[in-house]
Amino acid sequence: MKLLKVALASALLLLTGCVSQYSITEKELETYLNDEMHFEVKQGNKIFGVDLRVNDIEVTLGEKPDTMAVSAVTIVKVRNPLMPINANLITEFEAEPWYDATNNSVHLRNLQLVKVESKPQDIEKAIGSIAPQLMGFLTQFLETQPVYVLDTKESNQALIADMTKRIEVKPGKLVLVFED
């Protein structure tokens, strides 16, 4: 079986002009994150509570060395009879992406919050009390979920998954580096 994989990998490399790497673009990461990652928190009851939902995730790769920037819009609804709040929090994180060869996925580590802004802006003071909790939820979520998984049911990606041992961040893409 191992010999067959090596033969298939060799054939793939020959057919693709001795490719020694495969890239995942920012757009592919954004599509994966927006389709596959669903972050929603509902706490409280019908009168008092908080609902959070992340939408519109964007990715920027390589603006800083070895760094992936992730920005997201979080819809925040605070229920209370005196002052209900509906707002959007725009958050931006920076992290170091890494490749987990055991499950063929890209993860984030050393996640740092870079920026938070709210719309409407005059709501910032009211949301300030829940912002740290929200950032904690988002940070834990992004650090514990893969941000991209190679599809091993698709033959080319299965071969790439077998050969990939690490990734490099380049402007606009993640490069999966094949090791001999």
N, C-alpha and C. Protein backbone atom coordinates (compact mmCIF):
# COMPACT_ATOMS: atom_id res chain seq x y z
N MET A 1 0.82 -1.18 0.00
CA MET A 1 0.00 0.00 0.00
C MET A 1 0.87 1.25 0.00
N LYS A 2 1.93 1.25 0.82
CA LYS A 2 2.84 2.39 0.90
C LYS A 2 3.52 2.60 -0.46
N LEU A 3 3.89 1.51 -1.13
CA LEU A 3 4.53 1.61 -2.44
C LEU A 3 3.56 2.23 -3.46
N LEU A 4 2.29 1.87 -3.37
CA LEU A 4 1.29 2.43 -4.27
C LEU A 4 1.16 3.94 -4.07
N LYS A 5 1.13 4.38 -2.82
CA LYS A 5 1.05 5.81 -2.52
C LYS A 5 2.26 6.56 -3.06
N VAL A 6 3.43 5.99 -2.88
CA VAL A 6 4.65 6.62 -3.38
C VAL A 6 4.61 6.71 -4.90
N ALA A 7 4.16 5.64 -5.56
CA ALA A 7 4.06 5.63 -7.02
C ALA A 7 3.04 6.68 -7.49
N LEU A 8 1.89 6.76 -6.82
CA LEU A 8 0.89 7.75 -7.19
C LEU A 8 1.40 9.18 -6.95
N ALA A 9 2.07 9.38 -5.84
CA ALA A 9 2.63 10.70 -5.56
C ALA A 9 3.67 11.09 -6.60
N SER A 10 4.51 10.14 -6.98
CA SER A 10 5.52 10.38 -8.00
C SER A 10 4.87 10.73 -9.34
N ALA A 11 3.84 9.97 -9.69
CA ALA A 11 3.13 10.25 -10.94
C ALA A 11 2.48 11.63 -10.91
N LEU A 12 1.90 11.98 -9.77
CA LEU A 12 1.29 13.30 -9.63
C LEU A 12 2.34 14.39 -9.80
N LEU A 13 3.49 14.20 -9.19
CA LEU A 13 4.56 15.20 -9.31
C LEU A 13 5.05 15.33 -10.75
N LEU A 14 5.20 14.21 -11.44
CA LEU A 14 5.63 14.25 -12.83
C LEU A 14 4.60 14.94 -13.71
N LEU A 15 3.32 14.62 -13.50
CA LEU A 15 2.26 15.20 -14.30
C LEU A 15 2.09 16.70 -14.05
N THR A 16 2.44 17.15 -12.86
CA THR A 16 2.27 18.56 -12.54
C THR A 16 3.57 19.33 -12.67
N GLY A 17 4.54 18.77 -13.35
CA GLY A 17 5.79 19.47 -13.60
C GLY A 17 6.67 19.58 -12.38
N CYS A 18 6.76 18.50 -11.64
CA CYS A 18 7.62 18.45 -10.45
C CYS A 18 7.24 19.50 -9.41
N VAL A 19 5.98 19.63 -9.18
CA VAL A 19 5.49 20.56 -8.16
C VAL A 19 5.99 20.10 -6.80
N SER A 20 6.48 21.03 -6.01
CA SER A 20 6.95 20.66 -4.68
C SER A 20 6.13 21.35 -3.59
N GLN A 21 5.07 22.01 -4.02
CA GLN A 21 4.21 22.66 -3.04
C GLN A 21 2.82 22.85 -3.62
N TYR A 22 1.88 23.10 -2.72
CA TYR A 22 0.48 23.35 -3.07
C TYR A 22 0.06 24.56 -2.26
N SER A 23 -0.76 25.43 -2.81
CA SER A 23 -1.15 26.65 -2.12
C SER A 23 -2.64 26.68 -1.84
N ILE A 24 -2.97 27.31 -0.73
CA ILE A 24 -4.35 27.60 -0.37
C ILE A 24 -4.45 29.12 -0.35
N THR A 25 -5.34 29.68 -1.15
CA THR A 25 -5.46 31.13 -1.26
C THR A 25 -6.30 31.72 -0.13
N GLU A 26 -6.20 33.03 0.01
CA GLU A 26 -7.03 33.73 0.99
C GLU A 26 -8.50 33.47 0.72
N LYS A 27 -8.89 33.50 -0.55
CA LYS A 27 -10.29 33.30 -0.93
C LYS A 27 -10.75 31.89 -0.53
N GLU A 28 -9.91 30.87 -0.74
CA GLU A 28 -10.28 29.50 -0.35
C GLU A 28 -10.46 29.40 1.17
N LEU A 29 -9.58 30.05 1.92
CA LEU A 29 -9.71 30.05 3.38
C LEU A 29 -10.99 30.76 3.81
N GLU A 30 -11.28 31.91 3.20
CA GLU A 30 -12.50 32.65 3.54
C GLU A 30 -13.74 31.82 3.24
N THR A 31 -13.77 31.17 2.08
CA THR A 31 -14.91 30.34 1.71
C THR A 31 -15.09 29.21 2.72
N TYR A 32 -13.98 28.53 3.06
CA TYR A 32 -14.04 27.44 4.04
C TYR A 32 -14.58 27.96 5.38
N LEU A 33 -14.00 29.05 5.87
CA LEU A 33 -14.40 29.57 7.18
C LEU A 33 -15.87 30.01 7.19
N ASN A 34 -16.30 30.68 6.13
CA ASN A 34 -17.69 31.14 6.09
C ASN A 34 -18.69 30.01 5.90
N ASP A 35 -18.28 28.93 5.21
CA ASP A 35 -19.17 27.79 5.00
C ASP A 35 -19.15 26.78 6.14
N GLU A 36 -17.98 26.55 6.71
CA GLU A 36 -17.81 25.44 7.66
C GLU A 36 -17.82 25.84 9.13
N MET A 37 -17.40 27.05 9.44
CA MET A 37 -17.31 27.45 10.84
C MET A 37 -18.52 28.28 11.22
N HIS A 38 -19.26 27.79 12.16
CA HIS A 38 -20.45 28.50 12.61
C HIS A 38 -20.28 28.81 14.09
N PHE A 39 -20.16 30.08 14.39
CA PHE A 39 -19.99 30.51 15.77
C PHE A 39 -21.23 31.29 16.18
N GLU A 40 -21.95 30.73 17.14
CA GLU A 40 -23.16 31.37 17.63
C GLU A 40 -23.27 31.09 19.12
N VAL A 41 -23.56 32.12 19.90
CA VAL A 41 -23.73 31.99 21.34
C VAL A 41 -25.05 32.63 21.72
N LYS A 42 -25.84 31.91 22.49
CA LYS A 42 -27.09 32.45 23.03
C LYS A 42 -27.08 32.19 24.53
N GLN A 43 -27.18 33.28 25.29
CA GLN A 43 -27.20 33.16 26.75
C GLN A 43 -28.36 33.97 27.29
N GLY A 44 -28.93 33.50 28.38
CA GLY A 44 -30.00 34.23 29.03
C GLY A 44 -31.37 33.67 28.68
N ASN A 45 -32.38 34.51 28.86
CA ASN A 45 -33.76 34.11 28.57
C ASN A 45 -34.38 35.12 27.60
N LYS A 46 -35.70 35.10 27.44
CA LYS A 46 -36.35 35.99 26.47
C LYS A 46 -36.31 37.46 26.89
N ILE A 47 -36.17 37.73 28.19
CA ILE A 47 -36.18 39.11 28.67
C ILE A 47 -34.75 39.66 28.79
N PHE A 48 -33.87 38.89 29.41
CA PHE A 48 -32.48 39.31 29.58
C PHE A 48 -31.57 38.29 28.92
N GLY A 49 -30.67 38.73 28.07
CA GLY A 49 -29.75 37.80 27.45
C GLY A 49 -28.90 38.43 26.37
N VAL A 50 -28.04 37.61 25.82
CA VAL A 50 -27.12 38.04 24.77
C VAL A 50 -27.11 36.99 23.67
N ASP A 51 -27.20 37.44 22.44
CA ASP A 51 -27.04 36.57 21.27
C ASP A 51 -25.87 37.10 20.46
N LEU A 52 -24.97 36.21 20.08
CA LEU A 52 -23.81 36.57 19.27
C LEU A 52 -23.74 35.65 18.07
N ARG A 53 -23.45 36.20 16.90
CA ARG A 53 -23.27 35.36 15.71
C ARG A 53 -22.20 35.99 14.82
N VAL A 54 -21.23 35.19 14.43
CA VAL A 54 -20.14 35.67 13.57
C VAL A 54 -20.54 35.50 12.11
N ASN A 55 -20.33 36.55 11.34
CA ASN A 55 -20.59 36.58 9.90
C ASN A 55 -19.37 37.13 9.18
N ASP A 56 -19.35 36.98 7.89
CA ASP A 56 -18.41 37.69 7.01
C ASP A 56 -16.96 37.64 7.49
N ILE A 57 -16.39 36.45 7.48
CA ILE A 57 -15.00 36.29 7.87
C ILE A 57 -14.11 36.59 6.66
N GLU A 58 -13.07 37.40 6.88
CA GLU A 58 -12.10 37.72 5.84
C GLU A 58 -10.72 37.34 6.34
N VAL A 59 -9.86 36.95 5.39
CA VAL A 59 -8.52 36.49 5.71
C VAL A 59 -7.49 37.29 4.91
N THR A 60 -6.40 37.66 5.57
CA THR A 60 -5.27 38.29 4.91
C THR A 60 -4.03 37.51 5.30
N LEU A 61 -3.27 37.08 4.30
CA LEU A 61 -2.09 36.26 4.55
C LEU A 61 -0.81 37.01 4.17
N GLY A 62 0.18 36.95 5.06
CA GLY A 62 1.51 37.40 4.73
C GLY A 62 1.77 38.89 4.78
N GLU A 63 0.83 39.69 5.31
CA GLU A 63 1.15 41.11 5.47
C GLU A 63 2.29 41.27 6.47
N LYS A 64 2.30 40.41 7.47
CA LYS A 64 3.41 40.30 8.42
C LYS A 64 3.97 38.90 8.27
N PRO A 65 5.26 38.69 8.50
CA PRO A 65 5.85 37.35 8.34
C PRO A 65 5.14 36.30 9.19
N ASP A 66 4.86 35.14 8.59
CA ASP A 66 4.28 33.99 9.27
C ASP A 66 2.95 34.31 9.97
N THR A 67 2.19 35.25 9.42
CA THR A 67 0.98 35.71 10.09
C THR A 67 -0.24 35.63 9.18
N MET A 68 -1.34 35.18 9.79
CA MET A 68 -2.64 35.19 9.13
C MET A 68 -3.53 36.14 9.92
N ALA A 69 -4.10 37.13 9.24
CA ALA A 69 -5.03 38.05 9.88
C ALA A 69 -6.45 37.58 9.56
N VAL A 70 -7.28 37.56 10.57
CA VAL A 70 -8.68 37.15 10.41
C VAL A 70 -9.55 38.27 10.94
N SER A 71 -10.45 38.76 10.09
CA SER A 71 -11.41 39.76 10.57
C SER A 71 -12.81 39.17 10.40
N ALA A 72 -13.68 39.58 11.30
CA ALA A 72 -15.05 39.05 11.28
C ALA A 72 -16.01 40.09 11.82
N VAL A 73 -17.22 40.02 11.32
CA VAL A 73 -18.30 40.85 11.84
C VAL A 73 -19.13 39.97 12.78
N THR A 74 -19.29 40.43 14.00
CA THR A 74 -20.10 39.70 14.98
C THR A 74 -21.36 40.51 15.25
N ILE A 75 -22.48 39.88 15.00
CA ILE A 75 -23.77 40.52 15.28
C ILE A 75 -24.08 40.30 16.75
N VAL A 76 -24.31 41.39 17.47
CA VAL A 76 -24.56 41.34 18.91
C VAL A 76 -25.97 41.86 19.19
N LYS A 77 -26.73 41.06 19.92
CA LYS A 77 -28.06 41.48 20.38
C LYS A 77 -28.10 41.28 21.89
N VAL A 78 -28.28 42.38 22.59
CA VAL A 78 -28.41 42.32 24.05
C VAL A 78 -29.87 42.60 24.37
N ARG A 79 -30.49 41.61 25.02
CA ARG A 79 -31.91 41.75 25.39
C ARG A 79 -32.01 42.22 26.84
N ASN A 80 -32.68 43.33 27.02
CA ASN A 80 -33.09 43.78 28.34
C ASN A 80 -34.18 44.82 28.15
N PRO A 81 -35.12 44.92 29.06
CA PRO A 81 -36.27 45.80 28.85
C PRO A 81 -35.92 47.29 28.85
N LEU A 82 -34.85 47.68 29.52
CA LEU A 82 -34.51 49.10 29.62
C LEU A 82 -33.73 49.61 28.42
N MET A 83 -32.78 48.82 27.94
CA MET A 83 -31.93 49.29 26.85
C MET A 83 -31.50 48.14 25.95
N PRO A 84 -32.39 47.65 25.08
CA PRO A 84 -31.96 46.60 24.16
C PRO A 84 -30.93 47.16 23.18
N ILE A 85 -29.98 46.32 22.81
CA ILE A 85 -28.88 46.76 21.94
C ILE A 85 -28.78 45.82 20.75
N ASN A 86 -28.66 46.40 19.57
CA ASN A 86 -28.34 45.67 18.35
C ASN A 86 -27.14 46.36 17.73
N ALA A 87 -26.07 45.63 17.57
CA ALA A 87 -24.85 46.24 17.03
C ALA A 87 -24.03 45.19 16.29
N ASN A 88 -23.08 45.68 15.55
CA ASN A 88 -22.08 44.83 14.91
C ASN A 88 -20.72 45.15 15.50
N LEU A 89 -19.98 44.13 15.88
CA LEU A 89 -18.60 44.31 16.31
C LEU A 89 -17.71 43.80 15.19
N ILE A 90 -16.80 44.64 14.76
CA ILE A 90 -15.84 44.23 13.74
C ILE A 90 -14.54 43.95 14.49
N THR A 91 -14.12 42.70 14.45
CA THR A 91 -12.92 42.29 15.18
C THR A 91 -11.85 41.84 14.20
N GLU A 92 -10.61 42.10 14.58
CA GLU A 92 -9.48 41.65 13.77
C GLU A 92 -8.47 40.97 14.68
N PHE A 93 -8.10 39.76 14.29
CA PHE A 93 -7.12 38.96 15.02
C PHE A 93 -5.92 38.71 14.12
N GLU A 94 -4.78 38.47 14.74
CA GLU A 94 -3.60 37.97 14.02
C GLU A 94 -3.17 36.69 14.72
N ALA A 95 -2.71 35.74 13.92
CA ALA A 95 -2.30 34.46 14.50
C ALA A 95 -1.26 33.80 13.59
N GLU A 96 -0.64 32.78 14.14
CA GLU A 96 0.32 31.98 13.38
C GLU A 96 -0.38 30.70 12.93
N PRO A 97 -0.52 30.50 11.62
CA PRO A 97 -1.12 29.24 11.15
C PRO A 97 -0.10 28.11 11.21
N TRP A 98 -0.59 26.90 11.49
CA TRP A 98 0.29 25.72 11.50
C TRP A 98 -0.49 24.54 10.93
N TYR A 99 0.26 23.58 10.41
CA TYR A 99 -0.35 22.42 9.76
C TYR A 99 -0.29 21.21 10.68
N ASP A 100 -1.43 20.56 10.87
CA ASP A 100 -1.52 19.34 11.66
C ASP A 100 -1.62 18.17 10.69
N ALA A 101 -0.53 17.45 10.51
CA ALA A 101 -0.48 16.35 9.55
C ALA A 101 -1.35 15.17 9.99
N THR A 102 -1.67 15.06 11.28
CA THR A 102 -2.47 13.92 11.73
C THR A 102 -3.91 13.99 11.23
N ASN A 103 -4.44 15.22 11.05
CA ASN A 103 -5.80 15.32 10.53
C ASN A 103 -5.89 16.24 9.30
N ASN A 104 -4.73 16.50 8.67
CA ASN A 104 -4.66 17.24 7.40
C ASN A 104 -5.35 18.59 7.45
N SER A 105 -5.06 19.35 8.51
CA SER A 105 -5.77 20.60 8.70
C SER A 105 -4.83 21.74 9.10
N VAL A 106 -5.30 22.93 8.85
CA VAL A 106 -4.58 24.15 9.23
C VAL A 106 -5.28 24.72 10.46
N HIS A 107 -4.48 25.05 11.47
CA HIS A 107 -4.98 25.61 12.72
C HIS A 107 -4.28 26.94 12.99
N LEU A 108 -4.79 27.67 13.98
CA LEU A 108 -4.18 28.93 14.40
C LEU A 108 -3.67 28.81 15.83
N ARG A 109 -2.54 29.46 16.10
CA ARG A 109 -2.03 29.54 17.47
C ARG A 109 -1.51 30.97 17.70
N ASN A 110 -1.31 31.29 18.97
CA ASN A 110 -0.86 32.62 19.37
C ASN A 110 -1.78 33.71 18.84
N LEU A 111 -3.07 33.48 18.98
CA LEU A 111 -4.09 34.42 18.51
C LEU A 111 -4.05 35.69 19.34
N GLN A 112 -3.99 36.83 18.66
CA GLN A 112 -3.98 38.11 19.35
C GLN A 112 -5.02 39.03 18.75
N LEU A 113 -5.78 39.67 19.61
CA LEU A 113 -6.77 40.64 19.18
C LEU A 113 -6.04 41.91 18.78
N VAL A 114 -6.28 42.39 17.56
CA VAL A 114 -5.62 43.58 17.06
C VAL A 114 -6.54 44.80 17.14
N LYS A 115 -7.82 44.59 16.83
CA LYS A 115 -8.72 45.73 16.76
C LYS A 115 -10.16 45.28 16.97
N VAL A 116 -10.94 46.11 17.66
CA VAL A 116 -12.38 45.92 17.81
C VAL A 116 -13.03 47.28 17.59
N GLU A 117 -14.02 47.31 16.73
CA GLU A 117 -14.80 48.53 16.60
C GLU A 117 -16.27 48.15 16.49
N SER A 118 -17.13 49.06 16.89
CA SER A 118 -18.56 48.75 16.88
C SER A 118 -19.30 49.69 15.93
N LYS A 119 -20.38 49.16 15.41
CA LYS A 119 -21.28 49.96 14.58
C LYS A 119 -22.69 49.73 15.10
N PRO A 120 -23.39 50.72 15.52
CA PRO A 120 -23.01 52.13 15.55
C PRO A 120 -21.94 52.39 16.62
N GLN A 121 -21.11 53.41 16.38
CA GLN A 121 -19.98 53.68 17.28
C GLN A 121 -20.42 54.15 18.66
N ASP A 122 -21.55 54.83 18.76
CA ASP A 122 -21.99 55.35 20.06
C ASP A 122 -22.44 54.24 21.01
N ILE A 123 -22.42 53.02 20.56
CA ILE A 123 -22.85 51.89 21.38
C ILE A 123 -21.66 51.23 22.11
N GLU A 124 -20.43 51.69 21.82
CA GLU A 124 -19.23 51.05 22.37
C GLU A 124 -19.24 50.94 23.88
N LYS A 125 -19.65 51.99 24.58
CA LYS A 125 -19.67 51.94 26.05
C LYS A 125 -20.63 50.87 26.56
N ALA A 126 -21.79 50.78 25.94
CA ALA A 126 -22.79 49.79 26.37
C ALA A 126 -22.31 48.36 26.10
N ILE A 127 -21.61 48.16 24.99
CA ILE A 127 -21.12 46.82 24.65
C ILE A 127 -19.82 46.50 25.37
N GLY A 128 -19.15 47.52 25.88
CA GLY A 128 -17.85 47.33 26.53
C GLY A 128 -17.85 46.25 27.60
N SER A 129 -18.96 46.11 28.30
CA SER A 129 -19.01 45.12 29.38
C SER A 129 -19.04 43.68 28.87
N ILE A 130 -19.56 43.46 27.66
CA ILE A 130 -19.59 42.08 27.13
C ILE A 130 -18.46 41.79 26.14
N ALA A 131 -17.74 42.84 25.72
CA ALA A 131 -16.67 42.66 24.73
C ALA A 131 -15.59 41.67 25.19
N PRO A 132 -15.09 41.75 26.44
CA PRO A 132 -14.07 40.77 26.85
C PRO A 132 -14.56 39.32 26.78
N GLN A 133 -15.83 39.10 27.18
CA GLN A 133 -16.39 37.75 27.12
C GLN A 133 -16.49 37.29 25.67
N LEU A 134 -16.94 38.17 24.79
CA LEU A 134 -17.03 37.85 23.37
C LEU A 134 -15.66 37.52 22.80
N MET A 135 -14.66 38.32 23.13
CA MET A 135 -13.30 38.07 22.62
C MET A 135 -12.78 36.73 23.14
N GLY A 136 -13.11 36.40 24.38
CA GLY A 136 -12.71 35.10 24.92
C GLY A 136 -13.35 33.95 24.16
N PHE A 137 -14.66 34.07 23.86
CA PHE A 137 -15.37 33.04 23.07
C PHE A 137 -14.73 32.90 21.69
N LEU A 138 -14.51 34.02 21.01
CA LEU A 138 -13.95 33.99 19.67
C LEU A 138 -12.53 33.42 19.65
N THR A 139 -11.72 33.86 20.60
CA THR A 139 -10.33 33.37 20.66
C THR A 139 -10.31 31.86 20.86
N GLN A 140 -11.06 31.37 21.83
CA GLN A 140 -11.09 29.93 22.08
C GLN A 140 -11.61 29.18 20.85
N PHE A 141 -12.64 29.70 20.23
CA PHE A 141 -13.21 29.06 19.05
C PHE A 141 -12.19 28.97 17.92
N LEU A 142 -11.54 30.08 17.62
CA LEU A 142 -10.57 30.10 16.51
C LEU A 142 -9.33 29.26 16.80
N GLU A 143 -8.94 29.14 18.06
CA GLU A 143 -7.76 28.35 18.39
C GLU A 143 -8.05 26.85 18.49
N THR A 144 -9.31 26.47 18.61
CA THR A 144 -9.62 25.04 18.78
C THR A 144 -10.23 24.40 17.54
N GLN A 145 -10.59 25.18 16.55
CA GLN A 145 -11.18 24.66 15.32
C GLN A 145 -10.20 24.79 14.16
N PRO A 146 -10.15 23.83 13.26
CA PRO A 146 -9.31 24.02 12.08
C PRO A 146 -9.88 25.13 11.21
N VAL A 147 -8.99 25.92 10.59
CA VAL A 147 -9.44 26.98 9.70
C VAL A 147 -9.45 26.52 8.24
N TYR A 148 -8.93 25.31 8.02
CA TYR A 148 -8.99 24.68 6.69
C TYR A 148 -8.65 23.21 6.85
N VAL A 149 -9.37 22.35 6.15
CA VAL A 149 -9.10 20.91 6.17
C VAL A 149 -9.02 20.43 4.73
N LEU A 150 -7.92 19.74 4.40
CA LEU A 150 -7.81 19.14 3.07
C LEU A 150 -8.86 18.05 2.92
N ASP A 151 -9.47 17.99 1.76
CA ASP A 151 -10.52 17.01 1.47
C ASP A 151 -9.86 15.71 0.99
N THR A 152 -9.68 14.77 1.90
CA THR A 152 -8.99 13.53 1.56
C THR A 152 -9.86 12.57 0.76
N LYS A 153 -11.12 12.92 0.55
CA LYS A 153 -11.98 12.10 -0.32
C LYS A 153 -11.71 12.42 -1.79
N GLU A 154 -11.08 13.56 -2.02
CA GLU A 154 -10.70 13.97 -3.37
C GLU A 154 -9.26 13.50 -3.58
N SER A 155 -8.99 12.74 -4.63
CA SER A 155 -7.72 12.04 -4.79
C SER A 155 -6.49 12.95 -4.78
N ASN A 156 -6.53 14.09 -5.47
CA ASN A 156 -5.36 14.97 -5.48
C ASN A 156 -5.08 15.53 -4.10
N GLN A 157 -6.13 15.96 -3.40
CA GLN A 157 -5.91 16.50 -2.05
C GLN A 157 -5.49 15.41 -1.07
N ALA A 158 -5.93 14.18 -1.29
CA ALA A 158 -5.49 13.07 -0.43
C ALA A 158 -3.99 12.85 -0.59
N LEU A 159 -3.50 12.89 -1.80
CA LEU A 159 -2.06 12.74 -2.04
C LEU A 159 -1.29 13.92 -1.45
N ILE A 160 -1.81 15.10 -1.63
CA ILE A 160 -1.16 16.29 -1.08
C ILE A 160 -1.13 16.19 0.44
N ALA A 161 -2.21 15.74 1.04
CA ALA A 161 -2.27 15.59 2.49
C ALA A 161 -1.20 14.62 2.99
N ASP A 162 -0.98 13.54 2.26
CA ASP A 162 0.04 12.56 2.67
C ASP A 162 1.45 13.14 2.59
N MET A 163 1.68 14.04 1.65
CA MET A 163 3.04 14.56 1.44
C MET A 163 3.35 15.81 2.25
N THR A 164 2.34 16.52 2.71
CA THR A 164 2.55 17.80 3.39
C THR A 164 2.96 17.58 4.84
N LYS A 165 4.01 18.29 5.25
CA LYS A 165 4.49 18.20 6.62
C LYS A 165 4.44 19.54 7.34
N ARG A 166 4.44 20.65 6.56
CA ARG A 166 4.43 21.97 7.19
C ARG A 166 3.88 22.99 6.19
N ILE A 167 3.61 24.19 6.69
CA ILE A 167 3.14 25.26 5.82
C ILE A 167 4.01 26.50 5.99
N GLU A 168 3.97 27.33 4.97
CA GLU A 168 4.63 28.63 5.00
C GLU A 168 3.60 29.68 4.60
N VAL A 169 3.67 30.83 5.25
CA VAL A 169 2.77 31.92 4.91
C VAL A 169 3.47 32.82 3.91
N LYS A 170 2.83 33.02 2.78
CA LYS A 170 3.32 33.92 1.74
C LYS A 170 2.22 34.96 1.49
N PRO A 171 2.57 36.11 0.92
CA PRO A 171 1.51 37.10 0.64
C PRO A 171 0.39 36.49 -0.21
N GLY A 172 -0.83 36.50 0.34
CA GLY A 172 -2.01 36.02 -0.38
C GLY A 172 -2.25 34.53 -0.37
N LYS A 173 -1.36 33.74 0.24
CA LYS A 173 -1.57 32.29 0.23
C LYS A 173 -0.81 31.58 1.34
N LEU A 174 -1.31 30.38 1.66
CA LEU A 174 -0.60 29.44 2.52
C LEU A 174 0.00 28.39 1.60
N VAL A 175 1.29 28.14 1.74
CA VAL A 175 1.97 27.15 0.91
C VAL A 175 2.16 25.90 1.75
N LEU A 176 1.61 24.78 1.26
CA LEU A 176 1.82 23.49 1.90
C LEU A 176 3.09 22.91 1.32
N VAL A 177 4.09 22.75 2.15
CA VAL A 177 5.40 22.32 1.70
C VAL A 177 5.51 20.80 1.84
N PHE A 178 5.92 20.17 0.75
CA PHE A 178 6.09 18.72 0.74
C PHE A 178 7.50 18.40 1.24
N GLU A 179 7.58 17.41 2.06
CA GLU A 179 8.88 16.93 2.58
C GLU A 179 9.15 15.56 1.99
N ASP A 180 10.39 15.29 1.71
CA ASP A 180 10.77 13.98 1.16
C ASP A 180 10.77 12.93 2.24
